[in-house]
PDB file of N, CA and C in Angstrom:
ATOM      1  N   MET A   1     -57.979  65.185-161.398  1.00  0.00           N
ATOM      2  CA  MET A   1     -57.610  66.388-162.113  1.00  0.00           C
ATOM      3  C   MET A   1     -57.695  67.551-161.120  1.00  0.00           C
ATOM      4  N   LYS A   2     -56.639  68.358-161.095  1.00  0.00           N
ATOM      5  CA  LYS A   2     -56.597  69.508-160.203  1.00  0.00           C
ATOM      6  C   LYS A   2     -56.824  70.782-161.010  1.00  0.00           C
ATOM      7  N   ILE A   3     -57.863  71.513-160.672  1.00  0.00           N
ATOM      8  CA  ILE A   3     -58.147  72.779-161.353  1.00  0.00           C
ATOM      9  C   ILE A   3     -57.297  73.861-160.702  1.00  0.00           C
ATOM     10  N   GLN A   4     -56.624  74.642-161.553  1.00  0.00           N
ATOM     11  CA  GLN A   4     -55.759  75.706-161.063  1.00  0.00           C
ATOM     12  C   GLN A   4     -56.255  77.045-161.581  1.00  0.00           C
ATOM     13  N   THR A   5     -55.965  78.071-160.848  1.00  0.00           N
ATOM     14  CA  THR A   5     -56.344  79.418-161.265  1.00  0.00           C
ATOM     15  C   THR A   5     -55.112  80.315-161.248  1.00  0.00           C
ATOM     16  N   CYS A   6     -55.203  81.387-161.975  1.00  0.00           N
ATOM     17  CA  CYS A   6     -54.146  82.391-161.941  1.00  0.00           C
ATOM     18  C   CYS A   6     -54.779  83.766-162.080  1.00  0.00           C
ATOM     19  N   ALA A   7     -54.064  84.754-161.605  1.00  0.00           N
ATOM     20  CA  ALA A   7     -54.546  86.138-161.680  1.00  0.00           C
ATOM     21  C   ALA A   7     -53.873  86.826-162.866  1.00  0.00           C
ATOM     22  N   PHE A   8     -54.633  87.681-163.547  1.00  0.00           N
ATOM     23  CA  PHE A   8     -54.067  88.417-164.674  1.00  0.00           C
ATOM     24  C   PHE A   8     -54.769  89.758-164.828  1.00  0.00           C
ATOM     25  N   VAL A   9     -54.111  90.663-165.523  1.00  0.00           N
ATOM     26  CA  VAL A   9     -54.691  91.944-165.896  1.00  0.00           C
ATOM     27  C   VAL A   9     -54.623  92.049-167.418  1.00  0.00           C
ATOM     28  N   ALA A  10     -55.484  92.850-167.969  1.00  0.00           N
ATOM     29  CA  ALA A  10     -55.497  93.045-169.422  1.00  0.00           C
ATOM     30  C   ALA A  10     -54.329  93.930-169.841  1.00  0.00           C
ATOM     31  N   ALA A  11     -53.743  93.608-170.972  1.00  0.00           N
ATOM     32  CA  ALA A  11     -52.652  94.424-171.505  1.00  0.00           C
ATOM     33  C   ALA A  11     -53.097  95.863-171.720  1.00  0.00           C
ATOM     34  N   SER A  12     -54.374  96.056-172.030  1.00  0.00           N
ATOM     35  CA  SER A  12     -54.869  97.419-172.246  1.00  0.00           C
ATOM     36  C   SER A  12     -54.726  98.268-170.983  1.00  0.00           C
ATOM     37  N   GLU A  13     -54.695  97.639-169.815  1.00  0.00           N
ATOM     38  CA  GLU A  13     -54.483  98.388-168.576  1.00  0.00           C
ATOM     39  C   GLU A  13     -53.002  98.688-168.366  1.00  0.00           C
ATOM     40  N   VAL A  14     -52.163  97.732-168.683  1.00  0.00           N
ATOM     41  CA  VAL A  14     -50.721  97.939-168.534  1.00  0.00           C
ATOM     42  C   VAL A  14     -50.232  99.012-169.509  1.00  0.00           C
ATOM     43  N   PHE A  15     -50.784  99.002-170.725  1.00  0.00           N
ATOM     44  CA  PHE A  15     -50.353  99.934-171.765  1.00  0.00           C
ATOM     45  C   PHE A  15     -51.304 101.124-171.925  1.00  0.00           C
ATOM     46  N   ASP A  16     -52.169 101.368-170.945  1.00  0.00           N
ATOM     47  CA  ASP A  16     -53.111 102.486-171.008  1.00  0.00           C
ATOM     48  C   ASP A  16     -52.359 103.799-171.223  1.00  0.00           C
ATOM     49  N   GLU A  17     -52.773 104.554-172.221  1.00  0.00           N
ATOM     50  CA  GLU A  17     -52.158 105.828-172.602  1.00  0.00           C
ATOM     51  C   GLU A  17     -50.704 105.656-173.051  1.00  0.00           C
ATOM     52  N   CYS A  18     -50.364 104.465-173.504  1.00  0.00           N
ATOM     53  CA  CYS A  18     -49.000 104.167-173.974  1.00  0.00           C
ATOM     54  C   CYS A  18     -49.056 103.452-175.318  1.00  0.00           C
ATOM     55  N   LEU A  19     -49.827 103.985-176.234  1.00  0.00           N
ATOM     56  CA  LEU A  19     -50.036 103.335-177.532  1.00  0.00           C
ATOM     57  C   LEU A  19     -48.738 103.195-178.335  1.00  0.00           C
ATOM     58  N   LEU A  20     -47.859 104.186-178.244  1.00  0.00           N
ATOM     59  CA  LEU A  20     -46.576 104.078-178.957  1.00  0.00           C
ATOM     60  C   LEU A  20     -45.804 102.845-178.492  1.00  0.00           C
ATOM     61  N   VAL A  21     -45.776 102.627-177.194  1.00  0.00           N
ATOM     62  CA  VAL A  21     -45.029 101.497-176.644  1.00  0.00           C
ATOM     63  C   VAL A  21     -45.749 100.180-176.939  1.00  0.00           C
ATOM     64  N   TRP A  22     -47.058 100.176-176.894  1.00  0.00           N
ATOM     65  CA  TRP A  22     -47.812  98.972-177.259  1.00  0.00           C
ATOM     66  C   TRP A  22     -47.474  98.562-178.688  1.00  0.00           C
ATOM     67  N   ASN A  23     -47.467  99.539-179.596  1.00  0.00           N
ATOM     68  CA  ASN A  23     -47.150  99.242-180.995  1.00  0.00           C
ATOM     69  C   ASN A  23     -45.711  98.750-181.142  1.00  0.00           C
ATOM     70  N   LEU A  24     -44.784  99.362-180.409  1.00  0.00           N
ATOM     71  CA  LEU A  24     -43.392  98.904-180.443  1.00  0.00           C
ATOM     72  C   LEU A  24     -43.295  97.467-179.934  1.00  0.00           C
ATOM     73  N   PHE A  25     -44.006  97.170-178.861  1.00  0.00           N
ATOM     74  CA  PHE A  25     -44.001  95.813-178.305  1.00  0.00           C
ATOM     75  C   PHE A  25     -44.548  94.811-179.322  1.00  0.00           C
ATOM     76  N   CYS A  26     -45.694  95.113-179.894  1.00  0.00           N
ATOM     77  CA  CYS A  26     -46.327  94.198-180.856  1.00  0.00           C
ATOM     78  C   CYS A  26     -45.470  94.004-182.106  1.00  0.00           C
ATOM     79  N   ASN A  27     -44.857  95.069-182.574  1.00  0.00           N
ATOM     80  CA  ASN A  27     -44.058  94.998-183.794  1.00  0.00           C
ATOM     81  C   ASN A  27     -42.677  94.386-183.573  1.00  0.00           C
ATOM     82  N   SER A  28     -42.312  94.143-182.321  1.00  0.00           N
ATOM     83  CA  SER A  28     -40.992  93.577-182.036  1.00  0.00           C
ATOM     84  C   SER A  28     -40.975  92.059-182.175  1.00  0.00           C
ATOM     85  N   ASP A  29     -42.106  91.492-182.533  1.00  0.00           N
ATOM     86  CA  ASP A  29     -42.235  90.043-182.679  1.00  0.00           C
ATOM     87  C   ASP A  29     -41.883  89.314-181.382  1.00  0.00           C
ATOM     88  N   PRO A  30     -42.602  89.649-180.296  1.00  0.00           N
ATOM     89  CA  PRO A  30     -42.301  89.014-179.004  1.00  0.00           C
ATOM     90  C   PRO A  30     -42.547  87.507-179.057  1.00  0.00           C
ATOM     91  N   ASN A  31     -41.863  86.797-178.210  1.00  0.00           N
ATOM     92  CA  ASN A  31     -41.947  85.335-178.175  1.00  0.00           C
ATOM     93  C   ASN A  31     -43.190  84.905-177.403  1.00  0.00           C
ATOM     94  N   CYS A  32     -44.344  85.053-178.032  1.00  0.00           N
ATOM     95  CA  CYS A  32     -45.613  84.613-177.448  1.00  0.00           C
ATOM     96  C   CYS A  32     -46.583  84.334-178.590  1.00  0.00           C
ATOM     97  N   SER A  33     -47.652  83.645-178.272  1.00  0.00           N
ATOM     98  CA  SER A  33     -48.612  83.300-179.315  1.00  0.00           C
ATOM     99  C   SER A  33     -49.637  84.412-179.480  1.00  0.00           C
ATOM    100  N   TRP A  34     -50.107  84.587-180.685  1.00  0.00           N
ATOM    101  CA  TRP A  34     -51.136  85.568-181.006  1.00  0.00           C
ATOM    102  C   TRP A  34     -52.200  84.852-181.827  1.00  0.00           C
ATOM    103  N   GLY A  35     -53.337  85.469-181.958  1.00  0.00           N
ATOM    104  CA  GLY A  35     -54.325  84.910-182.856  1.00  0.00           C
ATOM    105  C   GLY A  35     -55.657  84.674-182.204  1.00  0.00           C
ATOM    106  N   ASP A  36     -56.186  83.485-182.404  1.00  0.00           N
ATOM    107  CA  ASP A  36     -57.532  83.183-181.960  1.00  0.00           C
ATOM    108  C   ASP A  36     -57.586  82.626-180.541  1.00  0.00           C
ATOM    109  N   ASN A  37     -56.583  82.897-179.757  1.00  0.00           N
ATOM    110  CA  ASN A  37     -56.579  82.412-178.374  1.00  0.00           C
ATOM    111  C   ASN A  37     -57.645  83.135-177.559  1.00  0.00           C
ATOM    112  N   ASN A  38     -58.161  82.459-176.583  1.00  0.00           N
ATOM    113  CA  ASN A  38     -59.056  83.112-175.641  1.00  0.00           C
ATOM    114  C   ASN A  38     -58.243  83.953-174.669  1.00  0.00           C
ATOM    115  N   ARG A  39     -57.079  83.457-174.275  1.00  0.00           N
ATOM    116  CA  ARG A  39     -56.172  84.168-173.383  1.00  0.00           C
ATOM    117  C   ARG A  39     -54.740  83.925-173.862  1.00  0.00           C
ATOM    118  N   THR A  40     -53.936  84.941-173.852  1.00  0.00           N
ATOM    119  CA  THR A  40     -52.499  84.811-174.043  1.00  0.00           C
ATOM    120  C   THR A  40     -51.866  85.453-172.832  1.00  0.00           C
ATOM    121  N   LEU A  41     -51.464  84.645-171.883  1.00  0.00           N
ATOM    122  CA  LEU A  41     -50.920  85.149-170.625  1.00  0.00           C
ATOM    123  C   LEU A  41     -49.401  85.113-170.660  1.00  0.00           C
ATOM    124  N   ILE A  42     -48.798  86.256-170.358  1.00  0.00           N
ATOM    125  CA  ILE A  42     -47.347  86.345-170.264  1.00  0.00           C
ATOM    126  C   ILE A  42     -46.990  87.064-168.970  1.00  0.00           C
ATOM    127  N   THR A  43     -45.745  86.944-168.586  1.00  0.00           N
ATOM    128  CA  THR A  43     -45.301  87.634-167.371  1.00  0.00           C
ATOM    129  C   THR A  43     -44.826  89.045-167.709  1.00  0.00           C
ATOM    130  N   GLY A  44     -44.767  89.860-166.687  1.00  0.00           N
ATOM    131  CA  GLY A  44     -44.232  91.201-166.861  1.00  0.00           C
ATOM    132  C   GLY A  44     -42.784  91.189-167.299  1.00  0.00           C
ATOM    133  N   ASP A  45     -42.047  90.144-166.900  1.00  0.00           N
ATOM    134  CA  ASP A  45     -40.639  90.034-167.301  1.00  0.00           C
ATOM    135  C   ASP A  45     -40.499  89.928-168.814  1.00  0.00           C
ATOM    136  N   VAL A  46     -41.445  89.267-169.467  1.00  0.00           N
ATOM    137  CA  VAL A  46     -41.400  89.154-170.928  1.00  0.00           C
ATOM    138  C   VAL A  46     -41.550  90.538-171.552  1.00  0.00           C
ATOM    139  N   ILE A  47     -42.531  91.294-171.075  1.00  0.00           N
ATOM    140  CA  ILE A  47     -42.747  92.638-171.609  1.00  0.00           C
ATOM    141  C   ILE A  47     -41.530  93.513-171.337  1.00  0.00           C
ATOM    142  N   ARG A  48     -41.032  93.481-170.104  1.00  0.00           N
ATOM    143  CA  ARG A  48     -39.869  94.293-169.745  1.00  0.00           C
ATOM    144  C   ARG A  48     -38.661  93.923-170.626  1.00  0.00           C
ATOM    145  N   GLY A  49     -38.429  92.643-170.823  1.00  0.00           N
ATOM    146  CA  GLY A  49     -37.304  92.204-171.642  1.00  0.00           C
ATOM    147  C   GLY A  49     -37.385  92.717-173.065  1.00  0.00           C
ATOM    148  N   VAL A  50     -38.580  92.659-173.648  1.00  0.00           N
ATOM    149  CA  VAL A  50     -38.758  93.156-175.015  1.00  0.00           C
ATOM    150  C   VAL A  50     -38.520  94.655-175.063  1.00  0.00           C
ATOM    151  N   LEU A  51     -39.097  95.394-174.128  1.00  0.00           N
ATOM    152  CA  LEU A  51     -38.964  96.851-174.141  1.00  0.00           C
ATOM    153  C   LEU A  51     -37.536  97.293-173.867  1.00  0.00           C
ATOM    154  N   GLU A  52     -36.814  96.551-173.050  1.00  0.00           N
ATOM    155  CA  GLU A  52     -35.418  96.912-172.769  1.00  0.00           C
ATOM    156  C   GLU A  52     -34.526  96.714-173.993  1.00  0.00           C
ATOM    157  N   LEU A  53     -34.923  95.844-174.902  1.00  0.00           N
ATOM    158  CA  LEU A  53     -34.126  95.587-176.104  1.00  0.00           C
ATOM    159  C   LEU A  53     -34.482  96.492-177.283  1.00  0.00           C
ATOM    160  N   LEU A  54     -35.507  97.328-177.126  1.00  0.00           N
ATOM    161  CA  LEU A  54     -35.917  98.193-178.227  1.00  0.00           C
ATOM    162  C   LEU A  54     -34.808  99.165-178.591  1.00  0.00           C
ATOM    163  N   ASP A  55     -34.665  99.387-179.861  1.00  0.00           N
ATOM    164  CA  ASP A  55     -33.673 100.336-180.359  1.00  0.00           C
ATOM    165  C   ASP A  55     -34.384 101.657-180.635  1.00  0.00           C
ATOM    166  N   LEU A  56     -34.550 102.442-179.579  1.00  0.00           N
ATOM    167  CA  LEU A  56     -35.240 103.723-179.729  1.00  0.00           C
ATOM    168  C   LEU A  56     -34.272 104.759-180.305  1.00  0.00           C
ATOM    169  N   PRO A  57     -34.791 105.705-181.082  1.00  0.00           N
ATOM    170  CA  PRO A  57     -33.919 106.760-181.610  1.00  0.00           C
ATOM    171  C   PRO A  57     -33.233 107.500-180.456  1.00  0.00           C
ATOM    172  N   GLU A  58     -32.042 108.023-180.714  1.00  0.00           N
ATOM    173  CA  GLU A  58     -31.286 108.657-179.642  1.00  0.00           C
ATOM    174  C   GLU A  58     -31.820 110.023-179.251  1.00  0.00           C
ATOM    175  N   SER A  59     -32.406 110.741-180.177  1.00  0.00           N
ATOM    176  CA  SER A  59     -32.950 112.046-179.804  1.00  0.00           C
ATOM    177  C   SER A  59     -34.040 112.460-180.784  1.00  0.00           C
ATOM    178  N   SER A  60     -35.092 112.950-180.246  1.00  0.00           N
ATOM    179  CA  SER A  60     -36.214 113.509-180.996  1.00  0.00           C
ATOM    180  C   SER A  60     -37.375 113.638-180.027  1.00  0.00           C
ATOM    181  N   GLU A  61     -38.371 114.401-180.425  1.00  0.00           N
ATOM    182  CA  GLU A  61     -39.564 114.516-179.572  1.00  0.00           C
ATOM    183  C   GLU A  61     -40.241 113.167-179.423  1.00  0.00           C
ATOM    184  N   LYS A  62     -40.268 112.407-180.510  1.00  0.00           N
ATOM    185  CA  LYS A  62     -40.901 111.088-180.453  1.00  0.00           C
ATOM    186  C   LYS A  62     -40.164 110.193-179.463  1.00  0.00           C
ATOM    187  N   TRP A  63     -38.831 110.249-179.445  1.00  0.00           N
ATOM    188  CA  TRP A  63     -38.061 109.445-178.508  1.00  0.00           C
ATOM    189  C   TRP A  63     -38.435 109.806-177.076  1.00  0.00           C
ATOM    190  N   THR A  64     -38.546 111.087-176.792  1.00  0.00           N
ATOM    191  CA  THR A  64     -38.897 111.524-175.442  1.00  0.00           C
ATOM    192  C   THR A  64     -40.244 110.952-175.035  1.00  0.00           C
ATOM    193  N   GLU A  65     -41.214 110.990-175.930  1.00  0.00           N
ATOM    194  CA  GLU A  65     -42.545 110.452-175.621  1.00  0.00           C
ATOM    195  C   GLU A  65     -42.487 108.936-175.468  1.00  0.00           C
ATOM    196  N   GLU A  66     -41.764 108.255-176.337  1.00  0.00           N
ATOM    197  CA  GLU A  66     -41.636 106.802-176.220  1.00  0.00           C
ATOM    198  C   GLU A  66     -40.965 106.435-174.895  1.00  0.00           C
ATOM    199  N   GLN A  67     -39.920 107.161-174.543  1.00  0.00           N
ATOM    200  CA  GLN A  67     -39.212 106.881-173.297  1.00  0.00           C
ATOM    201  C   GLN A  67     -40.128 107.115-172.092  1.00  0.00           C
ATOM    202  N   ARG A  68     -40.919 108.182-172.135  1.00  0.00           N
ATOM    203  CA  ARG A  68     -41.867 108.463-171.053  1.00  0.00           C
ATOM    204  C   ARG A  68     -42.866 107.322-170.914  1.00  0.00           C
ATOM    205  N   GLN A  69     -43.354 106.840-172.047  1.00  0.00           N
ATOM    206  CA  GLN A  69     -44.322 105.756-172.020  1.00  0.00           C
ATOM    207  C   GLN A  69     -43.690 104.448-171.542  1.00  0.00           C
ATOM    208  N   VAL A  70     -42.461 104.178-171.951  1.00  0.00           N
ATOM    209  CA  VAL A  70     -41.769 102.971-171.476  1.00  0.00           C
ATOM    210  C   VAL A  70     -41.648 103.023-169.955  1.00  0.00           C
ATOM    211  N   GLU A  71     -41.262 104.169-169.422  1.00  0.00           N
ATOM    212  CA  GLU A  71     -41.125 104.305-167.967  1.00  0.00           C
ATOM    213  C   GLU A  71     -42.471 104.109-167.264  1.00  0.00           C
ATOM    214  N   LYS A  72     -43.528 104.589-167.874  1.00  0.00           N
ATOM    215  CA  LYS A  72     -44.867 104.414-167.305  1.00  0.00           C
ATOM    216  C   LYS A  72     -45.242 102.932-167.251  1.00  0.00           C
ATOM    217  N   VAL A  73     -44.968 102.208-168.329  1.00  0.00           N
ATOM    218  CA  VAL A  73     -45.249 100.769-168.372  1.00  0.00           C
ATOM    219  C   VAL A  73     -44.385 100.033-167.345  1.00  0.00           C
ATOM    220  N   PHE A  74     -43.103 100.396-167.237  1.00  0.00           N
ATOM    221  CA  PHE A  74     -42.224  99.771-166.244  1.00  0.00           C
ATOM    222  C   PHE A  74     -42.756  99.989-164.826  1.00  0.00           C
ATOM    223  N   THR A  75     -43.246 101.174-164.545  1.00  0.00           N
ATOM    224  CA  THR A  75     -43.814 101.464-163.222  1.00  0.00           C
ATOM    225  C   THR A  75     -45.004 100.563-162.944  1.00  0.00           C
ATOM    226  N   ARG A  76     -45.846 100.387-163.936  1.00  0.00           N
ATOM    227  CA  ARG A  76     -47.012  99.502-163.770  1.00  0.00           C
ATOM    228  C   ARG A  76     -46.582  98.056-163.582  1.00  0.00           C
ATOM    229  N   LEU A  77     -45.587  97.616-164.337  1.00  0.00           N
ATOM    230  CA  LEU A  77     -45.092  96.243-164.183  1.00  0.00           C
ATOM    231  C   LEU A  77     -44.489  96.038-162.799  1.00  0.00           C
ATOM    232  N   ASP A  78     -43.782  97.038-162.293  1.00  0.00           N
ATOM    233  CA  ASP A  78     -43.218  96.951-160.938  1.00  0.00           C
ATOM    234  C   ASP A  78     -44.330  96.805-159.905  1.00  0.00           C
ATOM    235  N   LEU A  79     -45.410  97.546-160.081  1.00  0.00           N
ATOM    236  CA  LEU A  79     -46.550  97.449-159.163  1.00  0.00           C
ATOM    237  C   LEU A  79     -47.155  96.056-159.211  1.00  0.00           C
ATOM    238  N   LEU A  80     -47.339  95.525-160.404  1.00  0.00           N
ATOM    239  CA  LEU A  80     -47.894  94.176-160.536  1.00  0.00           C
ATOM    240  C   LEU A  80     -47.005  93.154-159.839  1.00  0.00           C
ATOM    241  N   PHE A  81     -45.691  93.315-159.971  1.00  0.00           N
ATOM    242  CA  PHE A  81     -44.753  92.385-159.349  1.00  0.00           C
ATOM    243  C   PHE A  81     -44.913  92.388-157.830  1.00  0.00           C
ATOM    244  N   THR A  82     -45.162  93.552-157.241  1.00  0.00           N
ATOM    245  CA  THR A  82     -45.320  93.622-155.787  1.00  0.00           C
ATOM    246  C   THR A  82     -46.615  92.970-155.322  1.00  0.00           C
ATOM    247  N   LEU A  83     -47.573  92.808-156.229  1.00  0.00           N
ATOM    248  CA  LEU A  83     -48.864  92.222-155.866  1.00  0.00           C
ATOM    249  C   LEU A  83     -48.861  90.698-155.914  1.00  0.00           C
ATOM    250  N   GLY A  84     -47.798  90.112-156.415  1.00  0.00           N
ATOM    251  CA  GLY A  84     -47.731  88.655-156.466  1.00  0.00           C
ATOM    252  C   GLY A  84     -47.520  88.139-157.871  1.00  0.00           C
ATOM    253  N   ASP A  85     -47.853  86.885-158.056  1.00  0.00           N
ATOM    254  CA  ASP A  85     -47.627  86.198-159.321  1.00  0.00           C
ATOM    255  C   ASP A  85     -48.767  86.496-160.276  1.00  0.00           C
ATOM    256  N   LEU A  86     -48.686  87.631-160.982  1.00  0.00           N
ATOM    257  CA  LEU A  86     -49.736  88.042-161.900  1.00  0.00           C
ATOM    258  C   LEU A  86     -49.245  87.951-163.344  1.00  0.00           C
ATOM    259  N   TYR A  87     -50.190  87.741-164.238  1.00  0.00           N
ATOM    260  CA  TYR A  87     -49.902  87.682-165.664  1.00  0.00           C
ATOM    261  C   TYR A  87     -50.585  88.830-166.376  1.00  0.00           C
ATOM    262  N   ILE A  88     -50.128  89.082-167.607  1.00  0.00           N
ATOM    263  CA  ILE A  88     -50.762  90.076-168.451  1.00  0.00           C
ATOM    264  C   ILE A  88     -51.390  89.323-169.616  1.00  0.00           C
ATOM    265  N   ASP A  89     -52.660  89.635-169.889  1.00  0.00           N
ATOM    266  CA  ASP A  89     -53.407  88.982-170.967  1.00  0.00           C
ATOM    267  C   ASP A  89     -53.331  89.863-172.204  1.00  0.00           C
ATOM    268  N   LEU A  90     -52.705  89.361-173.258  1.00  0.00           N
ATOM    269  CA  LEU A  90     -52.544  90.129-174.490  1.00  0.00           C
ATOM    270  C   LEU A  90     -53.763  90.100-175.386  1.00  0.00           C
ATOM    271  N   GLU A  91     -54.672  89.181-175.179  1.00  0.00           N
ATOM    272  CA  GLU A  91     -55.780  88.999-176.107  1.00  0.00           C
ATOM    273  C   GLU A  91     -57.018  89.833-175.807  1.00  0.00           C
ATOM    274  N   ASN A  92     -57.156  90.316-174.604  1.00  0.00           N
ATOM    275  CA  ASN A  92     -58.396  91.017-174.255  1.00  0.00           C
ATOM    276  C   ASN A  92     -58.152  92.436-173.827  1.00  0.00           C
TER     277      ASN A  92
END
């Protein structure tokens, strides 16, 4: 048996100060497991794909804030991608 390891960061770090986008992500019914898992590891591409498909309102103050937060999350995901094969843990 070969023991393998992987690196991950908590979703709370990726979505720090981006609660609107976290809620949009969670409510979009992303294709991942939720519940009593100890870890739910997904790639940044999964998060990016879900956020890119969001139907945000075309204009309003809320849209501006949501868009700002989406860009902030994208910047963080880009940074993670440059660091190597990292996952985001949705459960912790």
